[in-house]
Protein backbone atom coordinates (compact mmCIF):
# COMPACT_ATOMS: atom_id res chain seq x y z
CA GLN A 1 12.66 10.61 -11.22
CA VAL A 2 10.62 7.46 -10.32
CA GLN A 3 6.80 7.48 -10.20
CA LEU A 4 4.73 5.78 -7.82
CA VAL A 5 1.08 5.75 -9.15
CA GLU A 6 -1.44 4.27 -6.82
CA SER A 7 -5.13 2.65 -8.42
CA GLY A 8 -8.10 0.57 -7.58
CA GLY A 9 -9.32 2.69 -4.28
CA GLY A 10 -13.21 3.24 -3.39
CA LEU A 11 -16.18 2.04 -1.24
CA VAL A 12 -16.48 -1.20 0.48
CA GLN A 13 -19.35 -2.58 3.10
CA ALA A 14 -17.36 -3.58 6.11
CA GLY A 15 -16.24 -7.49 5.74
CA GLY A 16 -15.56 -6.91 1.95
CA SER A 17 -12.06 -6.98 0.19
CA LEU A 18 -10.42 -4.11 -2.11
CA ARG A 19 -6.65 -4.62 -3.93
CA ILE A 20 -4.85 -1.33 -4.42
CA SER A 21 -2.06 -1.06 -6.85
CA CYS A 22 0.89 0.79 -7.63
CA LEU A 23 2.64 0.89 -10.61
CA VAL A 24 6.33 1.79 -10.68
CA SER A 25 7.32 3.95 -13.93
CA GLY A 26 10.91 2.16 -13.00
CA SER A 27 11.85 -0.74 -11.53
CA ILE A 28 10.77 -1.89 -8.04
CA PHE A 29 14.28 -3.14 -7.55
CA ASP A 30 15.20 0.50 -8.02
CA PHE A 31 13.79 0.45 -4.39
CA ASP A 32 15.35 -1.42 -1.03
CA TYR A 33 11.54 -1.41 0.42
CA MET A 34 8.61 -0.90 -1.17
CA GLY A 35 5.50 -0.71 1.07
CA TRP A 36 1.65 0.80 1.89
CA TYR A 37 1.04 3.59 4.62
CA ARG A 38 -2.08 5.07 5.52
CA GLN A 39 -3.33 8.07 6.26
CA VAL A 40 -6.37 10.85 7.74
CA PRO A 41 -6.04 13.77 6.77
CA GLY A 42 -4.22 16.49 9.09
CA LYS A 43 -2.70 13.32 10.53
CA GLY A 44 0.76 11.66 10.10
CA ARG A 45 1.04 8.24 8.04
CA GLY A 46 1.44 5.11 9.62
CA LEU A 47 2.59 1.81 7.90
CA VAL A 48 0.41 -0.77 6.65
CA GLY A 49 3.18 -3.20 5.67
CA PHE A 50 6.53 -3.39 3.20
CA MET A 51 8.16 -5.76 1.22
CA THR A 52 11.95 -6.29 0.94
CA SER A 53 13.51 -6.15 -2.22
CA GLY A 54 14.63 -9.93 -1.51
CA GLY A 55 10.13 -10.64 -1.41
CA THR A 56 9.44 -10.71 2.45
CA PRO A 57 6.29 -8.73 3.47
CA LYS A 58 5.88 -7.38 7.31
CA TYR A 59 2.51 -6.09 8.27
CA THR A 60 1.44 -3.64 11.30
CA ASP A 61 -0.33 -5.89 14.13
CA SER A 62 -3.22 -4.21 13.21
CA VAL A 63 -3.45 -5.69 9.54
CA LYS A 64 -2.02 -8.96 10.21
CA GLY A 65 -4.21 -11.88 8.73
CA ARG A 66 -6.60 -9.44 6.77
CA PHE A 67 -4.34 -7.82 4.52
CA SER A 68 -1.51 -8.78 2.06
CA ILE A 69 1.05 -7.70 0.21
CA SER A 70 2.41 -8.87 -3.31
CA ARG A 71 4.21 -7.54 -6.33
CA ASP A 72 4.74 -8.12 -10.10
CA THR A 73 8.39 -7.85 -11.12
CA ALA A 74 7.55 -8.38 -14.56
CA LYS A 75 4.79 -5.44 -14.23
CA ASN A 76 6.90 -3.13 -11.76
CA THR A 77 3.28 -3.32 -9.74
CA LEU A 78 3.00 -3.58 -5.98
CA SER A 79 -0.31 -4.71 -4.57
CA LEU A 80 -1.98 -4.79 -1.46
CA GLN A 81 -4.97 -6.99 -0.90
CA MET A 82 -7.37 -5.92 1.87
CA ASN A 83 -9.72 -8.36 3.25
CA ASP A 84 -12.05 -8.52 5.86
CA LEU A 85 -12.36 -4.57 6.12
CA LYS A 86 -13.27 -2.51 8.87
CA PRO A 87 -14.34 0.71 9.05
CA GLU A 88 -11.62 1.79 11.09
CA ASP A 89 -9.22 0.51 8.11
CA THR A 90 -11.02 3.88 6.43
CA TYR A 91 -7.61 5.90 5.17
CA VAL A 92 -6.00 7.35 2.43
CA TYR A 93 -3.23 4.50 1.15
CA TYR A 94 0.11 5.57 0.15
CA CYS A 95 2.49 3.81 -1.84
CA ASN A 96 5.91 4.13 -0.68
CA GLY A 97 9.53 3.08 -1.96
CA ARG A 98 12.81 3.66 0.23
CA SER A 99 15.95 3.69 -1.32
CA GLY A 100 18.90 4.81 1.53
CA GLU A 101 17.83 7.78 2.86
CA THR A 102 14.98 8.91 0.03
CA ASP A 103 11.57 7.87 -0.14
CA ASP A 104 9.42 8.08 -3.00
CA TRP A 105 5.67 8.21 -2.75
CA GLY A 106 2.25 8.18 -4.88
CA GLN A 107 0.00 10.54 -4.88
CA GLY A 108 -2.76 8.19 -2.70
CA THR A 109 -6.08 6.46 -2.82
CA ARG A 110 -8.78 6.38 -0.94
CA VAL A 111 -10.63 3.63 0.50
CA THR A 112 -14.03 3.56 2.31
CA VAL A 113 -15.43 1.00 4.46
CA SER A 114 -18.94 1.72 5.78
CA SER A 115 -20.64 -0.05 8.19
């Protein structure tokens, strides 16, 4: 079974930047889509953005122009670069890989933005 392992979360001040990454134990191309979701405990996960297997990124409106998804196919790593962070970006961020109707998830990495 493919595993997704996030890293790179932490505490940052508003206006700062942070990069989180997701290491895939298999191949990024095992998935039709890979992306990032975020969640506040007790609430549902919301989409941040995703990348198609062809490499095209899409983002939710609230992060457009501030967040950027990239991948390193040689290292089987998906990354999320977050710039101009705001306190409302404070969440646990989850890496997601979707193949057909099947979703795989990482364990999550916490990002806290202080004002």
